[in-house]
PDB file of all heavy atoms in Angstrom:
ATOM      1  N   PHE A   1      87.449 -30.275  84.216  1.00  0.00           N
ATOM      2  CA  PHE A   1      86.183 -29.732  83.710  1.00  0.00           C
ATOM      3  C   PHE A   1      86.329 -28.924  82.420  1.00  0.00           C
ATOM      4  O   PHE A   1      85.334 -28.645  81.754  1.00  0.00           O
ATOM      5  CB  PHE A   1      85.537 -28.816  84.768  1.00  0.00           C
ATOM      6  CG  PHE A   1      85.210 -29.502  86.059  1.00  0.00           C
ATOM      7  CD1 PHE A   1      86.075 -29.434  87.136  1.00  0.00           C
ATOM      8  CD2 PHE A   1      84.036 -30.225  86.207  1.00  0.00           C
ATOM      9  CE1 PHE A   1      85.778 -30.054  88.345  1.00  0.00           C
ATOM     10  CE2 PHE A   1      83.732 -30.859  87.401  1.00  0.00           C
ATOM     11  CZ  PHE A   1      84.610 -30.775  88.479  1.00  0.00           C
ATOM     12  N   GLY A   2      87.554 -28.518  82.074  1.00  0.00           N
ATOM     13  CA  GLY A   2      87.733 -27.647  80.930  1.00  0.00           C
ATOM     14  C   GLY A   2      87.648 -28.366  79.600  1.00  0.00           C
ATOM     15  O   GLY A   2      87.735 -29.601  79.525  1.00  0.00           O
ATOM     16  N   ASN A   3      87.494 -27.576  78.540  1.00  0.00           N
ATOM     17  CA  ASN A   3      87.474 -28.158  77.197  1.00  0.00           C
ATOM     18  C   ASN A   3      88.906 -28.290  76.671  1.00  0.00           C
ATOM     19  O   ASN A   3      89.866 -27.847  77.309  1.00  0.00           O
ATOM     20  CB  ASN A   3      86.606 -27.332  76.254  1.00  0.00           C
ATOM     21  CG  ASN A   3      87.047 -25.875  76.151  1.00  0.00           C
ATOM     22  OD1 ASN A   3      88.240 -25.584  76.041  1.00  0.00           O
ATOM     23  ND2 ASN A   3      86.084 -24.947  76.181  1.00  0.00           N
ATOM     24  N   GLU A   4      89.057 -28.897  75.515  1.00  0.00           N
ATOM     25  CA  GLU A   4      90.390 -29.167  74.997  1.00  0.00           C
ATOM     26  C   GLU A   4      91.174 -27.888  74.714  1.00  0.00           C
ATOM     27  O   GLU A   4      92.387 -27.830  74.916  1.00  0.00           O
ATOM     28  CB  GLU A   4      90.300 -30.029  73.731  1.00  0.00           C
ATOM     29  CG  GLU A   4      89.817 -31.442  73.986  1.00  0.00           C
ATOM     30  CD  GLU A   4      90.655 -32.166  75.028  1.00  0.00           C
ATOM     31  OE1 GLU A   4      91.914 -32.094  74.931  1.00  0.00           O
ATOM     32  OE2 GLU A   4      90.077 -32.781  75.944  1.00  0.00           O
ATOM     33  N   THR A   5      90.497 -26.858  74.231  1.00  0.00           N
ATOM     34  CA  THR A   5      91.183 -25.592  73.977  1.00  0.00           C
ATOM     35  C   THR A   5      91.724 -25.000  75.269  1.00  0.00           C
ATOM     36  O   THR A   5      92.865 -24.509  75.318  1.00  0.00           O
ATOM     37  CB  THR A   5      90.231 -24.598  73.294  1.00  0.00           C
ATOM     38  OG1 THR A   5      89.804 -25.139  72.039  1.00  0.00           O
ATOM     39  CG2 THR A   5      90.912 -23.256  73.069  1.00  0.00           C
ATOM     40  N   GLN A   6      90.926 -25.026  76.320  1.00  0.00           N
ATOM     41  CA  GLN A   6      91.378 -24.502  77.609  1.00  0.00           C
ATOM     42  C   GLN A   6      92.560 -25.302  78.152  1.00  0.00           C
ATOM     43  O   GLN A   6      93.504 -24.730  78.703  1.00  0.00           O
ATOM     44  CB  GLN A   6      90.215 -24.513  78.600  1.00  0.00           C
ATOM     45  CG  GLN A   6      89.132 -23.504  78.259  1.00  0.00           C
ATOM     46  CD  GLN A   6      87.861 -23.702  79.057  1.00  0.00           C
ATOM     47  OE1 GLN A   6      87.640 -24.765  79.667  1.00  0.00           O
ATOM     48  NE2 GLN A   6      86.989 -22.707  79.060  1.00  0.00           N
ATOM     49  N   LYS A   7      92.538 -26.601  77.974  1.00  0.00           N
ATOM     50  CA  LYS A   7      93.666 -27.429  78.432  1.00  0.00           C
ATOM     51  C   LYS A   7      94.937 -27.081  77.667  1.00  0.00           C
ATOM     52  O   LYS A   7      96.009 -26.910  78.259  1.00  0.00           O
ATOM     53  CB  LYS A   7      93.326 -28.915  78.271  1.00  0.00           C
ATOM     54  CG  LYS A   7      92.181 -29.402  79.160  1.00  0.00           C
ATOM     55  CD  LYS A   7      91.830 -30.850  78.827  1.00  0.00           C
ATOM     56  CE  LYS A   7      90.590 -31.291  79.574  1.00  0.00           C
ATOM     57  NZ  LYS A   7      90.175 -32.679  79.212  1.00  0.00           N
ATOM     58  N   ARG A   8      94.824 -26.973  76.346  1.00  0.00           N
ATOM     59  CA  ARG A   8      96.001 -26.656  75.539  1.00  0.00           C
ATOM     60  C   ARG A   8      96.545 -25.271  75.868  1.00  0.00           C
ATOM     61  O   ARG A   8      97.755 -25.048  75.873  1.00  0.00           O
ATOM     62  CB  ARG A   8      95.657 -26.733  74.044  1.00  0.00           C
ATOM     63  CG  ARG A   8      95.493 -28.142  73.501  1.00  0.00           C
ATOM     64  CD  ARG A   8      95.518 -28.118  71.971  1.00  0.00           C
ATOM     65  NE  ARG A   8      94.519 -27.218  71.424  1.00  0.00           N
ATOM     66  CZ  ARG A   8      93.267 -27.556  71.123  1.00  0.00           C
ATOM     67  NH1 ARG A   8      92.866 -28.815  71.323  1.00  0.00           N
ATOM     68  NH2 ARG A   8      92.424 -26.670  70.617  1.00  0.00           N
ATOM     69  N   THR A   9      95.655 -24.352  76.148  1.00  0.00           N
ATOM     70  CA  THR A   9      96.050 -22.965  76.386  1.00  0.00           C
ATOM     71  C   THR A   9      96.714 -22.773  77.744  1.00  0.00           C
ATOM     72  O   THR A   9      97.714 -22.060  77.863  1.00  0.00           O
ATOM     73  CB  THR A   9      94.827 -22.037  76.273  1.00  0.00           C
ATOM     74  OG1 THR A   9      94.257 -22.160  74.973  1.00  0.00           O
ATOM     75  CG2 THR A   9      95.224 -20.581  76.523  1.00  0.00           C
ATOM     76  N   HIS A  10      96.186 -23.411  78.779  1.00  0.00           N
ATOM     77  CA  HIS A  10      96.572 -23.049  80.141  1.00  0.00           C
ATOM     78  C   HIS A  10      97.458 -24.049  80.883  1.00  0.00           C
ATOM     79  O   HIS A  10      98.257 -23.637  81.739  1.00  0.00           O
ATOM     80  CB  HIS A  10      95.311 -22.807  80.978  1.00  0.00           C
ATOM     81  CG  HIS A  10      94.453 -21.700  80.472  1.00  0.00           C
ATOM     82  ND1 HIS A  10      94.870 -20.381  80.450  1.00  0.00           N
ATOM     83  CD2 HIS A  10      93.191 -21.704  79.954  1.00  0.00           C
ATOM     84  CE1 HIS A  10      93.908 -19.628  79.944  1.00  0.00           C
ATOM     85  NE2 HIS A  10      92.884 -20.390  79.636  1.00  0.00           N
ATOM     86  N   LEU A  11      97.346 -25.332  80.616  1.00  0.00           N
ATOM     87  CA  LEU A  11      98.043 -26.303  81.468  1.00  0.00           C
ATOM     88  C   LEU A  11      99.567 -26.208  81.347  1.00  0.00           C
ATOM     89  O   LEU A  11     100.275 -26.270  82.363  1.00  0.00           O
ATOM     90  CB  LEU A  11      97.561 -27.724  81.148  1.00  0.00           C
ATOM     91  CG  LEU A  11      96.095 -28.013  81.485  1.00  0.00           C
ATOM     92  CD1 LEU A  11      95.772 -29.488  81.216  1.00  0.00           C
ATOM     93  CD2 LEU A  11      95.774 -27.652  82.936  1.00  0.00           C
ATOM     94  N   GLY A  12     100.086 -26.059  80.132  1.00  0.00           N
ATOM     95  CA  GLY A  12     101.527 -25.939  79.961  1.00  0.00           C
ATOM     96  C   GLY A  12     102.110 -24.740  80.691  1.00  0.00           C
ATOM     97  O   GLY A  12     103.075 -24.876  81.465  1.00  0.00           O
ATOM     98  N   PRO A  13     101.560 -23.537  80.475  1.00  0.00           N
ATOM     99  CA  PRO A  13     102.066 -22.367  81.201  1.00  0.00           C
ATOM    100  C   PRO A  13     101.964 -22.493  82.717  1.00  0.00           C
ATOM    101  O   PRO A  13     102.819 -21.959  83.432  1.00  0.00           O
ATOM    102  CB  PRO A  13     101.183 -21.230  80.667  1.00  0.00           C
ATOM    103  CG  PRO A  13     100.801 -21.676  79.290  1.00  0.00           C
ATOM    104  CD  PRO A  13     100.618 -23.161  79.396  1.00  0.00           C
ATOM    105  N   ILE A  14     100.940 -23.181  83.218  1.00  0.00           N
ATOM    106  CA  ILE A  14     100.838 -23.379  84.668  1.00  0.00           C
ATOM    107  C   ILE A  14     101.986 -24.259  85.153  1.00  0.00           C
ATOM    108  O   ILE A  14     102.656 -23.946  86.147  1.00  0.00           O
ATOM    109  CB  ILE A  14      99.481 -24.003  85.038  1.00  0.00           C
ATOM    110  CG1 ILE A  14      98.343 -22.985  84.828  1.00  0.00           C
ATOM    111  CG2 ILE A  14      99.482 -24.491  86.491  1.00  0.00           C
ATOM    112  CD1 ILE A  14      96.952 -23.564  85.012  1.00  0.00           C
ATOM    113  N   ARG A  15     102.232 -25.362  84.467  1.00  0.00           N
ATOM    114  CA  ARG A  15     103.308 -26.276  84.869  1.00  0.00           C
ATOM    115  C   ARG A  15     104.660 -25.571  84.849  1.00  0.00           C
ATOM    116  O   ARG A  15     105.510 -25.796  85.713  1.00  0.00           O
ATOM    117  CB  ARG A  15     103.378 -27.491  83.943  1.00  0.00           C
ATOM    118  CG  ARG A  15     102.280 -28.510  84.105  1.00  0.00           C
ATOM    119  CD  ARG A  15     102.691 -29.828  83.442  1.00  0.00           C
ATOM    120  NE  ARG A  15     103.266 -29.648  82.120  1.00  0.00           N
ATOM    121  CZ  ARG A  15     102.578 -29.634  80.988  1.00  0.00           C
ATOM    122  NH1 ARG A  15     101.252 -29.800  81.015  1.00  0.00           N
ATOM    123  NH2 ARG A  15     103.183 -29.476  79.822  1.00  0.00           N
ATOM    124  N   ARG A  16     104.869 -24.707  83.859  1.00  0.00           N
ATOM    125  CA  ARG A  16     106.164 -24.040  83.696  1.00  0.00           C
ATOM    126  C   ARG A  16     106.264 -22.730  84.474  1.00  0.00           C
ATOM    127  O   ARG A  16     107.246 -22.006  84.368  1.00  0.00           O
ATOM    128  CB  ARG A  16     106.417 -23.785  82.203  1.00  0.00           C
ATOM    129  CG  ARG A  16     106.531 -25.058  81.378  1.00  0.00           C
ATOM    130  CD  ARG A  16     106.942 -24.756  79.946  1.00  0.00           C
ATOM    131  NE  ARG A  16     105.928 -23.987  79.220  1.00  0.00           N
ATOM    132  CZ  ARG A  16     104.936 -24.523  78.513  1.00  0.00           C
ATOM    133  NH1 ARG A  16     104.804 -25.849  78.440  1.00  0.00           N
ATOM    134  NH2 ARG A  16     104.069 -23.750  77.864  1.00  0.00           N
ATOM    135  N   SER A  17     105.250 -22.406  85.259  1.00  0.00           N
ATOM    136  CA  SER A  17     105.212 -21.170  86.051  1.00  0.00           C
ATOM    137  C   SER A  17     105.391 -19.938  85.189  1.00  0.00           C
ATOM    138  O   SER A  17     106.049 -18.965  85.575  1.00  0.00           O
ATOM    139  CB  SER A  17     106.277 -21.199  87.154  1.00  0.00           C
ATOM    140  OG  SER A  17     106.012 -22.221  88.083  1.00  0.00           O
ATOM    141  N   GLU A  18     104.796 -19.961  84.006  1.00  0.00           N
ATOM    142  CA  GLU A  18     104.851 -18.808  83.111  1.00  0.00           C
ATOM    143  C   GLU A  18     103.738 -17.812  83.383  1.00  0.00           C
ATOM    144  O   GLU A  18     103.839 -16.649  82.987  1.00  0.00           O
ATOM    145  CB  GLU A  18     104.769 -19.294  81.656  1.00  0.00           C
ATOM    146  CG  GLU A  18     105.969 -20.130  81.236  1.00  0.00           C
ATOM    147  CD  GLU A  18     105.798 -20.764  79.871  1.00  0.00           C
ATOM    148  OE1 GLU A  18     104.693 -20.678  79.294  1.00  0.00           O
ATOM    149  OE2 GLU A  18     106.774 -21.370  79.385  1.00  0.00           O
ATOM    150  N   ILE A  19     102.685 -18.280  84.033  1.00  0.00           N
ATOM    151  CA  ILE A  19     101.529 -17.438  84.344  1.00  0.00           C
ATOM    152  C   ILE A  19     101.259 -17.523  85.840  1.00  0.00           C
ATOM    153  O   ILE A  19     101.230 -18.608  86.414  1.00  0.00           O
ATOM    154  CB  ILE A  19     100.271 -17.900  83.574  1.00  0.00           C
ATOM    155  CG1 ILE A  19     100.517 -17.839  82.072  1.00  0.00           C
ATOM    156  CG2 ILE A  19      99.064 -17.061  83.958  1.00  0.00           C
ATOM    157  CD1 ILE A  19     100.738 -16.438  81.532  1.00  0.00           C
ATOM    158  N   TRP A  20     101.074 -16.364  86.479  1.00  0.00           N
ATOM    159  CA  TRP A  20     100.732 -16.320  87.903  1.00  0.00           C
ATOM    160  C   TRP A  20      99.225 -16.126  88.025  1.00  0.00           C
ATOM    161  O   TRP A  20      98.670 -15.180  87.497  1.00  0.00           O
ATOM    162  CB  TRP A  20     101.471 -15.174  88.585  1.00  0.00           C
ATOM    163  CG  TRP A  20     101.347 -15.195  90.082  1.00  0.00           C
ATOM    164  CD1 TRP A  20     100.240 -14.906  90.825  1.00  0.00           C
ATOM    165  CD2 TRP A  20     102.378 -15.543  91.017  1.00  0.00           C
ATOM    166  NE1 TRP A  20     100.500 -15.043  92.156  1.00  0.00           N
ATOM    167  CE2 TRP A  20     101.817 -15.437  92.301  1.00  0.00           C
ATOM    168  CE3 TRP A  20     103.700 -15.920  90.897  1.00  0.00           C
ATOM    169  CZ2 TRP A  20     102.548 -15.693  93.465  1.00  0.00           C
ATOM    170  CZ3 TRP A  20     104.432 -16.178  92.049  1.00  0.00           C
ATOM    171  CH2 TRP A  20     103.853 -16.068  93.317  1.00  0.00           C
ATOM    172  N   TRP A  21      98.579 -17.027  88.739  1.00  0.00           N
ATOM    173  CA  TRP A  21      97.125 -16.986  88.894  1.00  0.00           C
ATOM    174  C   TRP A  21      96.722 -16.459  90.270  1.00  0.00           C
ATOM    175  O   TRP A  21      97.423 -16.673  91.259  1.00  0.00           O
ATOM    176  CB  TRP A  21      96.528 -18.379  88.722  1.00  0.00           C
ATOM    177  CG  TRP A  21      96.509 -18.863  87.314  1.00  0.00           C
ATOM    178  CD1 TRP A  21      97.525 -19.462  86.624  1.00  0.00           C
ATOM    179  CD2 TRP A  21      95.412 -18.776  86.392  1.00  0.00           C
ATOM    180  NE1 TRP A  21      97.133 -19.752  85.338  1.00  0.00           N
ATOM    181  CE2 TRP A  21      95.836 -19.348  85.172  1.00  0.00           C
ATOM    182  CE3 TRP A  21      94.109 -18.274  86.482  1.00  0.00           C
ATOM    183  CZ2 TRP A  21      95.014 -19.433  84.057  1.00  0.00           C
ATOM    184  CZ3 TRP A  21      93.279 -18.355  85.378  1.00  0.00           C
ATOM    185  CH2 TRP A  21      93.737 -18.926  84.177  1.00  0.00           C
ATOM    186  N   ALA A  22      95.583 -15.794  90.309  1.00  0.00           N
ATOM    187  CA  ALA A  22      94.951 -15.385  91.565  1.00  0.00           C
ATOM    188  C   ALA A  22      93.607 -16.092  91.674  1.00  0.00           C
ATOM    189  O   ALA A  22      93.019 -16.498  90.666  1.00  0.00           O
ATOM    190  CB  ALA A  22      94.770 -13.869  91.615  1.00  0.00           C
ATOM    191  N   GLN A  23      93.124 -16.220  92.903  1.00  0.00           N
ATOM    192  CA  GLN A  23      91.860 -16.914  93.166  1.00  0.00           C
ATOM    193  C   GLN A  23      90.789 -15.909  93.581  1.00  0.00           C
ATOM    194  O   GLN A  23      90.878 -15.309  94.645  1.00  0.00           O
ATOM    195  CB  GLN A  23      92.053 -17.949  94.278  1.00  0.00           C
ATOM    196  CG  GLN A  23      90.776 -18.689  94.664  1.00  0.00           C
ATOM    197  CD  GLN A  23      91.015 -19.668  95.803  1.00  0.00           C
ATOM    198  OE1 GLN A  23      92.049 -19.653  96.446  1.00  0.00           O
ATOM    199  NE2 GLN A  23      90.054 -20.533  96.046  1.00  0.00           N
ATOM    200  N   GLY A  24      89.785 -15.708  92.745  1.00  0.00           N
ATOM    201  CA  GLY A  24      88.739 -14.734  93.020  1.00  0.00           C
ATOM    202  C   GLY A  24      87.491 -15.374  93.615  1.00  0.00           C
ATOM    203  O   GLY A  24      86.478 -15.522  92.917  1.00  0.00           O
ATOM    204  N   TYR A  25      87.575 -15.752  94.872  1.00  0.00           N
ATOM    205  CA  TYR A  25      86.436 -16.377  95.549  1.00  0.00           C
ATOM    206  C   TYR A  25      85.759 -15.421  96.536  1.00  0.00           C
ATOM    207  O   TYR A  25      84.636 -15.011  96.355  1.00  0.00           O
ATOM    208  CB  TYR A  25      86.903 -17.642  96.287  1.00  0.00           C
ATOM    209  CG  TYR A  25      86.863 -18.920  95.472  1.00  0.00           C
ATOM    210  CD1 TYR A  25      86.999 -18.906  94.089  1.00  0.00           C
ATOM    211  CD2 TYR A  25      86.723 -20.153  96.091  1.00  0.00           C
ATOM    212  CE1 TYR A  25      86.977 -20.073  93.346  1.00  0.00           C
ATOM    213  CE2 TYR A  25      86.695 -21.337  95.360  1.00  0.00           C
ATOM    214  CZ  TYR A  25      86.822 -21.288  93.991  1.00  0.00           C
ATOM    215  OH  TYR A  25      86.791 -22.453  93.265  1.00  0.00           O
ATOM    216  N   SER A  26      86.459 -15.058  97.598  1.00  0.00           N
ATOM    217  CA  SER A  26      85.842 -14.304  98.698  1.00  0.00           C
ATOM    218  C   SER A  26      85.382 -12.914  98.265  1.00  0.00           C
ATOM    219  O   SER A  26      85.995 -12.269  97.409  1.00  0.00           O
ATOM    220  CB  SER A  26      86.828 -14.172  99.857  1.00  0.00           C
ATOM    221  OG  SER A  26      87.134 -15.426 100.415  1.00  0.00           O
TER     222      SER A  26
END
């Protein structure tokens, strides 16, 4: 769903475990 800038910015660091994400749902 993301735009190209979001893909370039976030996908690489996620794959390489450079950024730890939290899920803000509940």
